[in-house]
Amino acid sequence: MNPEIKRSAWEELSLRRLIAMPLILGAIFSLPASLGGGTADLAAVLFIVITLFWGTRQAADAVPTEVSERTWDWQRLSTLSAWQLTWGKLFGSTLFSWYGGLICLIVFVLGDEQPDLVRDAYIMVIASLLAQSVAFLLGLQTVRLRGHRTRVGTLVSQLFGIVIGFWALQAGNVSDSLAVLSMFTDGITPAIVWYGFRIDPGLFANVSLVLFLLWSVLGGWRLMKRELQYPTRPWAWPAFTLFCCIYAAGHFSPGGDLIDLFDLDVFSGRLVVAAIVSGLLTYVALFWEDKDPVQFRRLLRMAGSGKWAAVLANTQSWMVSYALTILIVVVLLITASTGEVGGVTLWAAMIGALLFMARDIAINLYFWLAPRPGRANISTLIALGILYWVLPITFSVGGDGSLFLFYSFAPAEPFMVLAASGVQAGVMAFVVMQRWSARFALQPS
């Protein structure tokens, strides 16, 4: 058995707790059902509360608690591998919540005679596992970024996990046979059309959730390897980005969910969807990683010396996603026929989007190059909120004619979109270069 799970079992599964959990749950199940769906409804609610709310808290706090108790350094120096620590922490920290969740799950399946209860139980388990895995991943990253445990970091990690869990229940297409589950479904879901193939929605949801669960566990393992300072090759994030692009682009098919999103042919529409997904993941990675100016300087030196293998090994994830976004847009512009996205010509909208992304990246780098970059990401979020929300509302009071200053898909002439995005990207690039020069002006090269 994994030593970390064995240690967690000794700490979490004491005899008193093992007896108390079924007694408390049994007392609750004996009360009159208040959700209108009997025992199965009550069991589903308790399962969600225990595994999705409480379990994500335990997963998010697994590593931060060790840091606050000053035991994390000892564990990092132990003989446990990154994989042993990853699944040991993830599943060991949530043992007791799963003990209670398993009791609720048994009552849920046996408490009614609805035909879909077993399948719904499976979706609930996968959704909870995915939520806990995401919470664990984010909790570990907050420790890596801040170096200590913070209640806000743990809370944010937990909330993200809960949101992902509820999304998984929605995407899992649970049946609406029970009152408590009816909030997660819109009724009968038609067949999923993915790359022209009609797929049963239940099968598609099951496979999708398992794949995203595996990706989240892989992310936790990779992050644990970096925490333990193992040498890693940067393949996981590019692979995940490609997976998400391919996954989302498949929905742009005749009869699919996204076919009405753009007035484009199928191939061009899929490339646009892939570019949007890759661009969104660029922002995720941008806020995910810290940006040490010394590391960037080292990266430039490697590139200047022609050490391209070292450059690729030290390239940050947001750089990879942005490069992939550019590549997708280039392929789109070469292969696409004429068309529009939003209210502007396709080529102008896509190039303008790349320039706006470059501006946003430069804003983030500007704050990270400050003498005290501790709140660089918060400052970036405030700046982007002003650029994408406050200023557009202010400028659109007299009409929507000036929205091209903030969005590349706003109706406007192509040269106006390119001029607006290009000038802003150029100004921010100049400002970043000035701060870079000031930062390293007095340091030897």
Protein backbone atom coordinates (compact mmCIF):
# COMPACT_ATOMS: atom_id res chain seq x y z
CA MET A 1 0.00 0.00 0.00
CA ASN A 2 1.06 3.56 -0.67
CA PRO A 3 2.80 4.81 2.52
CA GLU A 4 1.00 8.16 2.29
CA ILE A 5 -2.40 6.50 2.08
CA LYS A 6 -1.47 4.20 4.97
CA ARG A 7 -0.50 7.24 7.08
CA SER A 8 -3.74 9.02 6.16
CA ALA A 9 -5.75 5.92 7.01
CA TRP A 10 -4.24 5.82 10.51
CA GLU A 11 -5.01 9.52 11.00
CA GLU A 12 -8.42 9.76 9.35
CA LEU A 13 -10.05 6.36 9.92
CA SER A 14 -10.02 6.03 13.67
CA LEU A 15 -12.47 3.60 15.26
CA ARG A 16 -14.50 6.44 16.72
CA ARG A 17 -14.91 8.11 13.34
CA LEU A 18 -15.64 4.83 11.58
CA ILE A 19 -18.51 4.24 14.00
CA ALA A 20 -19.74 7.84 14.13
CA MET A 21 -20.18 8.31 10.38
CA PRO A 22 -22.72 5.51 9.75
CA LEU A 23 -24.56 6.36 12.97
CA ILE A 24 -24.97 10.00 11.97
CA LEU A 25 -25.95 9.15 8.40
CA GLY A 26 -28.34 6.48 9.64
CA ALA A 27 -30.02 9.02 11.91
CA ILE A 28 -30.39 11.43 8.99
CA PHE A 29 -31.81 8.75 6.69
CA SER A 30 -34.36 7.87 9.34
CA LEU A 31 -35.79 11.40 9.23
CA PRO A 32 -38.70 12.14 6.91
CA ALA A 33 -37.38 12.96 3.42
CA SER A 34 -37.72 16.67 2.76
CA LEU A 35 -36.75 16.82 -0.92
CA GLY A 36 -39.83 15.15 -2.31
CA GLY A 37 -37.91 12.21 -3.73
CA GLY A 38 -37.53 9.85 -0.80
CA THR A 39 -34.38 8.20 0.50
CA ALA A 40 -32.52 8.23 -2.82
CA ASP A 41 -32.86 12.00 -3.08
CA LEU A 42 -31.58 12.48 0.46
CA ALA A 43 -28.67 10.13 -0.20
CA ALA A 44 -27.74 12.04 -3.36
CA VAL A 45 -27.74 15.34 -1.48
CA LEU A 46 -25.58 13.94 1.31
CA PHE A 47 -23.17 12.37 -1.19
CA ILE A 48 -22.72 15.72 -2.95
CA VAL A 49 -22.25 17.55 0.36
CA ILE A 50 -19.71 15.04 1.68
CA THR A 51 -17.63 14.37 -1.43
CA LEU A 52 -18.10 17.51 -3.49
CA PHE A 53 -18.05 20.18 -0.78
CA TRP A 54 -16.13 18.56 2.07
CA GLY A 55 -13.97 16.36 -0.15
CA THR A 56 -12.74 19.26 -2.28
CA ARG A 57 -11.79 21.11 0.89
CA GLN A 58 -9.71 18.17 2.07
CA ALA A 59 -8.06 17.77 -1.33
CA ALA A 60 -7.31 21.48 -1.71
CA ASP A 61 -5.77 21.59 1.76
CA ALA A 62 -3.76 18.35 1.50
CA VAL A 63 -0.38 19.93 0.70
CA PRO A 64 -0.96 23.41 2.25
CA THR A 65 -1.67 21.77 5.61
CA GLU A 66 1.64 19.92 5.45
CA VAL A 67 3.39 23.20 4.67
CA SER A 68 1.78 25.02 7.59
CA GLU A 69 2.66 22.16 9.95
CA ARG A 70 6.27 22.21 8.67
CA THR A 71 6.20 18.57 7.59
CA TRP A 72 6.22 19.14 3.85
CA ASP A 73 9.99 19.57 3.54
CA TRP A 74 10.53 16.22 5.25
CA GLN A 75 8.14 14.55 2.83
CA ARG A 76 9.85 16.13 -0.13
CA LEU A 77 13.14 14.63 1.09
CA SER A 78 11.63 11.18 1.59
CA THR A 79 12.06 8.26 -0.79
CA LEU A 80 8.48 8.58 -2.05
CA SER A 81 8.27 9.29 -5.77
CA ALA A 82 6.25 12.13 -7.26
CA TRP A 83 3.55 9.69 -8.33
CA GLN A 84 3.32 8.11 -4.87
CA LEU A 85 2.97 11.54 -3.26
CA THR A 86 0.42 12.66 -5.85
CA TRP A 87 -2.13 9.90 -5.54
CA GLY A 88 -1.24 9.34 -1.90
CA LYS A 89 -2.09 12.95 -1.05
CA LEU A 90 -5.10 13.12 -3.37
CA PHE A 91 -6.82 9.95 -2.22
CA GLY A 92 -5.34 9.78 1.28
CA SER A 93 -6.62 13.23 2.25
CA THR A 94 -10.17 12.33 1.13
CA LEU A 95 -10.41 8.84 2.63
CA PHE A 96 -12.92 9.72 5.33
CA SER A 97 -15.13 11.73 3.00
CA TRP A 98 -15.24 8.78 0.60
CA TYR A 99 -16.09 6.49 3.50
CA GLY A 100 -19.17 8.58 4.15
CA GLY A 101 -19.80 9.03 0.42
CA LEU A 102 -19.75 5.27 -0.15
CA ILE A 103 -22.44 4.76 2.49
CA CYS A 104 -24.58 7.41 0.81
CA LEU A 105 -23.94 5.85 -2.58
CA ILE A 106 -25.14 2.45 -1.43
CA VAL A 107 -28.31 3.98 0.03
CA PHE A 108 -28.76 5.99 -3.17
CA VAL A 109 -28.64 2.92 -5.42
CA LEU A 110 -30.79 0.76 -3.15
CA GLY A 111 -33.19 3.47 -2.07
CA ASP A 112 -35.29 3.59 -5.24
CA GLU A 113 -36.17 1.45 -8.24
CA GLN A 114 -35.42 4.01 -10.94
CA PRO A 115 -33.55 2.36 -13.85
CA ASP A 116 -30.87 5.04 -14.20
CA LEU A 117 -29.69 5.15 -10.59
CA VAL A 118 -26.55 3.05 -11.16
CA ARG A 119 -25.49 5.19 -14.08
CA ASP A 120 -26.23 8.36 -12.11
CA ALA A 121 -24.15 7.02 -9.22
CA TYR A 122 -21.26 6.47 -11.62
CA ILE A 123 -21.51 10.07 -12.89
CA MET A 124 -21.65 11.40 -9.33
CA VAL A 125 -18.48 9.47 -8.42
CA ILE A 126 -16.58 10.66 -11.50
CA ALA A 127 -17.75 14.25 -10.94
CA SER A 128 -16.56 14.18 -7.32
CA LEU A 129 -13.21 12.63 -8.26
CA LEU A 130 -12.71 15.28 -10.93
CA ALA A 131 -13.63 18.08 -8.51
CA GLN A 132 -11.25 16.78 -5.85
CA SER A 133 -8.44 16.31 -8.36
CA VAL A 134 -8.79 19.88 -9.64
CA ALA A 135 -8.93 21.24 -6.08
CA PHE A 136 -5.79 19.27 -5.18
CA LEU A 137 -4.00 20.54 -8.29
CA LEU A 138 -4.87 24.18 -7.53
CA GLY A 139 -4.02 23.82 -3.85
CA LEU A 140 -0.57 22.51 -4.72
CA GLN A 141 -0.05 25.36 -7.17
CA THR A 142 -0.98 28.01 -4.60
CA VAL A 143 1.72 26.61 -2.30
CA ARG A 144 4.23 26.69 -5.16
CA LEU A 145 3.40 30.31 -5.97
CA ARG A 146 3.21 31.70 -2.43
CA GLY A 147 5.44 29.31 -0.52
CA HIS A 148 3.00 29.00 2.40
CA ARG A 149 -0.59 28.09 3.21
CA THR A 150 -3.25 30.75 2.83
CA ARG A 151 -6.92 30.37 3.62
CA VAL A 152 -7.86 32.37 0.56
CA GLY A 153 -5.78 30.12 -1.69
CA THR A 154 -7.35 27.00 -0.22
CA LEU A 155 -10.84 28.49 -0.50
CA VAL A 156 -10.34 29.50 -4.13
CA SER A 157 -8.99 26.04 -4.95
CA GLN A 158 -12.00 24.45 -3.28
CA LEU A 159 -14.47 26.72 -5.07
CA PHE A 160 -12.92 25.96 -8.45
CA GLY A 161 -13.18 22.26 -7.67
CA ILE A 162 -16.84 22.61 -6.70
CA VAL A 163 -17.62 24.52 -9.91
CA ILE A 164 -15.91 21.81 -11.97
CA GLY A 165 -17.83 19.16 -10.06
CA PHE A 166 -21.20 20.76 -10.75
CA TRP A 167 -20.20 21.23 -14.40
CA ALA A 168 -19.35 17.52 -14.54
CA LEU A 169 -22.78 16.64 -13.15
CA GLN A 170 -24.35 18.86 -15.81
CA ALA A 171 -22.16 17.50 -18.60
CA GLY A 172 -22.63 13.96 -17.33
CA ASN A 173 -26.25 14.09 -18.46
CA VAL A 174 -27.59 12.62 -15.24
CA SER A 175 -31.20 11.53 -15.44
CA ASP A 176 -33.95 13.73 -14.06
CA SER A 177 -35.72 10.80 -12.40
CA LEU A 178 -34.92 12.25 -8.97
CA ALA A 179 -35.82 15.74 -7.82
CA VAL A 180 -32.31 16.56 -6.62
CA LEU A 181 -30.78 15.54 -9.97
CA SER A 182 -33.27 17.42 -12.13
CA MET A 183 -31.28 20.63 -11.61
CA PHE A 184 -28.38 19.10 -13.56
CA THR A 185 -30.29 18.18 -16.70
CA ASP A 186 -32.49 19.89 -19.25
CA GLY A 187 -34.51 16.79 -19.90
CA ILE A 188 -33.93 14.53 -22.89
CA THR A 189 -30.55 15.31 -24.46
CA PRO A 190 -30.27 14.65 -28.20
CA ALA A 191 -27.40 12.71 -29.69
CA ILE A 192 -24.04 14.46 -29.68
CA VAL A 193 -22.70 15.29 -33.14
CA TRP A 194 -18.89 15.22 -33.02
CA TYR A 195 -16.89 15.41 -36.24
CA GLY A 196 -20.01 14.30 -38.09
CA PHE A 197 -20.58 11.19 -35.95
CA ARG A 198 -23.77 10.90 -33.95
CA ILE A 199 -22.84 9.61 -30.47
CA ASP A 200 -25.05 8.66 -27.57
CA PRO A 201 -24.88 11.55 -25.07
CA GLY A 202 -24.43 9.22 -22.10
CA LEU A 203 -21.49 7.43 -23.70
CA PHE A 204 -19.93 10.71 -24.82
CA ALA A 205 -20.29 12.21 -21.34
CA ASN A 206 -18.84 9.15 -19.62
CA VAL A 207 -15.77 9.03 -21.85
CA SER A 208 -15.28 12.81 -21.68
CA LEU A 209 -15.39 12.97 -17.88
CA VAL A 210 -12.98 10.06 -17.51
CA LEU A 211 -10.55 11.71 -19.94
CA PHE A 212 -10.66 15.04 -18.12
CA LEU A 213 -10.22 13.21 -14.81
CA LEU A 214 -7.08 11.52 -16.17
CA TRP A 215 -5.77 14.88 -17.40
CA SER A 216 -6.30 16.46 -13.98
CA VAL A 217 -4.47 13.63 -12.23
CA LEU A 218 -1.67 13.88 -14.79
CA GLY A 219 -1.47 17.61 -14.10
CA GLY A 220 -1.14 16.97 -10.38
CA TRP A 221 1.62 14.44 -10.98
CA ARG A 222 3.53 16.79 -13.27
CA LEU A 223 3.21 19.63 -10.79
CA MET A 224 4.39 17.36 -7.99
CA LYS A 225 7.46 16.46 -10.07
CA ARG A 226 8.26 20.15 -10.40
CA GLU A 227 7.74 20.65 -6.67
CA LEU A 228 10.20 17.84 -5.98
CA GLN A 229 12.56 19.39 -8.57
CA TYR A 230 12.57 16.40 -10.88
CA PRO A 231 13.73 17.18 -14.44
CA THR A 232 10.64 17.31 -16.67
CA ARG A 233 10.09 17.62 -20.39
CA PRO A 234 7.42 20.17 -21.38
CA TRP A 235 5.07 17.81 -23.21
CA ALA A 236 2.04 17.64 -20.92
CA TRP A 237 0.65 21.15 -21.40
CA PRO A 238 1.03 21.17 -25.23
CA ALA A 239 -0.64 17.74 -25.32
CA PHE A 240 -3.50 18.97 -23.12
CA THR A 241 -3.94 22.08 -25.25
CA LEU A 242 -4.07 20.02 -28.44
CA PHE A 243 -6.55 17.65 -26.81
CA CYS A 244 -8.85 20.51 -25.79
CA CYS A 245 -8.63 22.09 -29.27
CA ILE A 246 -9.48 18.82 -31.00
CA TYR A 247 -12.22 18.05 -28.48
CA ALA A 248 -13.93 21.42 -28.83
CA ALA A 249 -13.49 21.73 -32.61
CA GLY A 250 -15.37 18.47 -33.15
CA HIS A 251 -18.57 20.10 -31.96
CA PHE A 252 -18.49 22.45 -34.97
CA SER A 253 -20.26 19.97 -37.25
CA PRO A 254 -23.56 20.05 -39.15
CA GLY A 255 -26.15 19.41 -36.48
CA GLY A 256 -23.61 20.03 -33.70
CA ASP A 257 -23.73 22.42 -30.77
CA LEU A 258 -21.47 25.10 -32.28
CA ILE A 259 -22.44 25.06 -35.97
CA ASP A 260 -24.48 28.27 -35.65
CA LEU A 261 -21.72 30.13 -33.82
CA PHE A 262 -19.92 31.37 -36.96
CA ASP A 263 -21.01 31.81 -40.57
CA LEU A 264 -18.11 29.77 -41.90
CA ASP A 265 -17.49 26.47 -43.65
CA VAL A 266 -16.97 23.47 -41.38
CA PHE A 267 -13.17 23.29 -41.61
CA SER A 268 -12.70 27.03 -41.04
CA GLY A 269 -15.18 27.00 -38.18
CA ARG A 270 -13.31 24.19 -36.49
CA LEU A 271 -10.05 26.10 -36.79
CA VAL A 272 -11.69 29.19 -35.28
CA VAL A 273 -13.00 27.13 -32.35
CA ALA A 274 -9.55 25.57 -31.87
CA ALA A 275 -7.91 29.00 -31.93
CA ILE A 276 -10.36 30.31 -29.32
CA VAL A 277 -9.73 27.33 -27.03
CA SER A 278 -5.96 27.63 -27.42
CA GLY A 279 -6.20 31.36 -26.74
CA LEU A 280 -8.24 30.81 -23.56
CA LEU A 281 -5.72 28.24 -22.35
CA THR A 282 -2.99 30.80 -23.02
CA TYR A 283 -4.63 33.08 -20.46
CA VAL A 284 -5.02 30.18 -18.02
CA ALA A 285 -1.32 29.35 -18.30
CA LEU A 286 -0.40 33.04 -18.12
CA PHE A 287 -1.96 33.36 -14.67
CA TRP A 288 -0.89 29.87 -13.65
CA GLU A 289 2.87 30.35 -13.75
CA ASP A 290 5.12 32.82 -12.01
CA LYS A 291 7.41 34.81 -14.27
CA ASP A 292 10.88 35.26 -12.88
CA PRO A 293 12.71 37.89 -14.96
CA VAL A 294 16.00 36.14 -14.23
CA GLN A 295 14.58 32.97 -15.76
CA PHE A 296 13.53 34.91 -18.86
CA ARG A 297 17.01 36.36 -19.11
CA ARG A 298 18.50 32.87 -18.87
CA LEU A 299 16.11 31.74 -21.59
CA LEU A 300 17.28 34.53 -23.89
CA ARG A 301 20.88 33.58 -23.27
CA MET A 302 20.14 29.96 -24.14
CA ALA A 303 18.50 31.07 -27.37
CA GLY A 304 21.44 33.34 -28.16
CA SER A 305 23.83 30.43 -27.64
CA GLY A 306 21.80 28.14 -29.87
CA LYS A 307 20.86 25.75 -27.04
CA TRP A 308 17.43 25.06 -28.43
CA ALA A 309 16.85 21.86 -26.47
CA ALA A 310 17.39 23.81 -23.25
CA VAL A 311 15.13 26.58 -24.55
CA LEU A 312 12.30 24.11 -25.18
CA ALA A 313 12.82 22.51 -21.77
CA ASN A 314 12.48 25.89 -20.02
CA THR A 315 9.73 27.41 -22.15
CA GLN A 316 6.69 28.33 -20.09
CA SER A 317 3.27 26.90 -20.84
CA TRP A 318 1.68 30.19 -21.89
CA MET A 319 4.37 30.63 -24.55
CA VAL A 320 3.52 27.22 -26.00
CA SER A 321 -0.22 27.91 -26.04
CA TYR A 322 0.25 31.31 -27.65
CA ALA A 323 2.57 29.84 -30.29
CA LEU A 324 -0.02 27.14 -31.01
CA THR A 325 -2.73 29.81 -31.30
CA ILE A 326 -0.63 31.69 -33.83
CA LEU A 327 -0.03 28.48 -35.79
CA ILE A 328 -3.76 27.69 -35.91
CA VAL A 329 -4.55 31.21 -37.09
CA VAL A 330 -1.89 30.99 -39.81
CA VAL A 331 -3.36 27.72 -41.08
CA LEU A 332 -6.84 29.26 -40.93
CA LEU A 333 -5.82 32.29 -42.96
CA ILE A 334 -4.11 30.12 -45.57
CA THR A 335 -6.98 27.67 -46.01
CA ALA A 336 -10.11 29.66 -45.18
CA SER A 337 -12.46 31.09 -47.72
CA THR A 338 -13.92 34.54 -47.22
CA GLY A 339 -16.10 34.95 -44.19
CA GLU A 340 -16.86 37.01 -41.12
CA VAL A 341 -16.56 36.46 -37.41
CA GLY A 342 -18.75 38.69 -35.32
CA GLY A 343 -19.03 41.74 -37.51
CA VAL A 344 -15.59 41.92 -39.10
CA THR A 345 -13.68 40.13 -41.84
CA LEU A 346 -12.24 36.80 -40.71
CA TRP A 347 -8.57 37.60 -41.26
CA ALA A 348 -8.80 40.97 -39.50
CA ALA A 349 -10.68 39.47 -36.54
CA MET A 350 -8.15 36.69 -36.02
CA ILE A 351 -5.04 38.85 -36.42
CA GLY A 352 -6.59 41.51 -34.21
CA ALA A 353 -7.30 38.86 -31.55
CA LEU A 354 -3.65 37.78 -31.62
CA LEU A 355 -2.54 41.39 -31.17
CA PHE A 356 -4.93 41.95 -28.27
CA MET A 357 -3.58 38.77 -26.68
CA ALA A 358 -0.04 40.09 -27.13
CA ARG A 359 -1.10 43.30 -25.40
CA ASP A 360 -2.60 41.37 -22.47
CA ILE A 361 0.52 39.22 -22.12
CA ALA A 362 2.64 42.37 -22.12
CA ILE A 363 0.46 43.86 -19.38
CA ASN A 364 1.08 40.80 -17.22
CA LEU A 365 4.82 40.85 -17.90
CA TYR A 366 4.92 44.56 -17.06
CA PHE A 367 3.58 43.88 -13.57
CA TRP A 368 5.85 40.87 -13.10
CA LEU A 369 8.88 43.04 -13.94
CA ALA A 370 8.02 45.43 -11.11
CA PRO A 371 10.37 45.55 -8.09
CA ARG A 372 7.63 43.89 -5.99
CA PRO A 373 5.62 41.59 -8.27
CA GLY A 374 3.68 39.85 -5.50
CA ARG A 375 0.31 41.06 -6.81
CA ALA A 376 1.15 40.98 -10.51
CA ASN A 377 -1.71 38.67 -11.46
CA ILE A 378 -4.26 40.62 -9.41
CA SER A 379 -3.08 43.86 -11.03
CA THR A 380 -3.37 42.23 -14.45
CA LEU A 381 -6.93 41.09 -13.74
CA ILE A 382 -7.88 44.62 -12.71
CA ALA A 383 -6.31 46.07 -15.86
CA LEU A 384 -8.07 43.53 -18.09
CA GLY A 385 -11.36 44.17 -16.30
CA ILE A 386 -11.01 47.86 -17.14
CA LEU A 387 -10.06 47.15 -20.75
CA TYR A 388 -12.73 44.54 -21.47
CA TRP A 389 -15.57 45.73 -19.29
CA VAL A 390 -15.37 49.25 -17.85
CA LEU A 391 -14.04 51.11 -20.90
CA PRO A 392 -16.32 49.35 -23.44
CA ILE A 393 -19.36 50.23 -21.34
CA THR A 394 -18.16 53.82 -21.10
CA PHE A 395 -17.41 54.18 -24.81
CA SER A 396 -20.60 52.43 -25.94
CA VAL A 397 -22.91 54.95 -24.27
CA GLY A 398 -23.33 56.78 -27.56
CA GLY A 399 -23.37 53.61 -29.69
CA ASP A 400 -21.35 50.52 -30.50
CA GLY A 401 -19.16 52.12 -33.13
CA SER A 402 -16.08 52.28 -30.91
CA LEU A 403 -16.09 48.71 -29.59
CA PHE A 404 -13.41 47.74 -32.11
CA LEU A 405 -10.99 49.54 -29.78
CA PHE A 406 -11.45 46.69 -27.28
CA TYR A 407 -12.68 43.64 -29.22
CA SER A 408 -11.35 42.29 -32.50
CA PHE A 409 -14.76 40.77 -33.34
CA ALA A 410 -16.66 44.08 -33.06
CA PRO A 411 -18.18 45.40 -36.31
CA ALA A 412 -15.67 47.70 -37.98
CA GLU A 413 -13.49 48.10 -41.03
CA PRO A 414 -10.57 45.66 -41.05
CA PHE A 415 -7.86 48.34 -40.99
CA MET A 416 -9.51 49.99 -37.97
CA VAL A 417 -9.45 46.71 -36.01
CA LEU A 418 -5.80 46.06 -36.93
CA ALA A 419 -4.81 49.64 -36.14
CA ALA A 420 -6.49 49.59 -32.72
CA SER A 421 -5.06 46.23 -31.67
CA GLY A 422 -1.65 46.85 -33.25
CA VAL A 423 -1.12 50.23 -31.60
CA GLN A 424 -2.08 48.91 -28.16
CA ALA A 425 0.16 45.85 -28.54
CA GLY A 426 3.03 48.03 -29.76
CA VAL A 427 2.69 50.51 -26.91
CA MET A 428 2.67 47.75 -24.30
CA ALA A 429 5.66 46.04 -25.93
CA PHE A 430 7.59 49.32 -25.76
CA VAL A 431 6.63 49.85 -22.11
CA VAL A 432 7.70 46.31 -21.19
CA MET A 433 11.04 46.76 -22.95
CA GLN A 434 11.61 49.96 -21.04
CA ARG A 435 10.90 48.27 -17.71
CA TRP A 436 13.09 45.33 -18.73
CA SER A 437 15.97 47.67 -19.52
CA ALA A 438 15.50 49.49 -16.23
CA ARG A 439 15.39 46.21 -14.33
CA PHE A 440 18.71 44.93 -15.71
CA ALA A 441 20.45 48.24 -16.48
CA LEU A 442 22.79 48.03 -13.48
CA GLN A 443 23.36 44.28 -13.65
CA PRO A 444 26.19 42.74 -15.62
CA SER A 445 25.21 40.78 -18.70
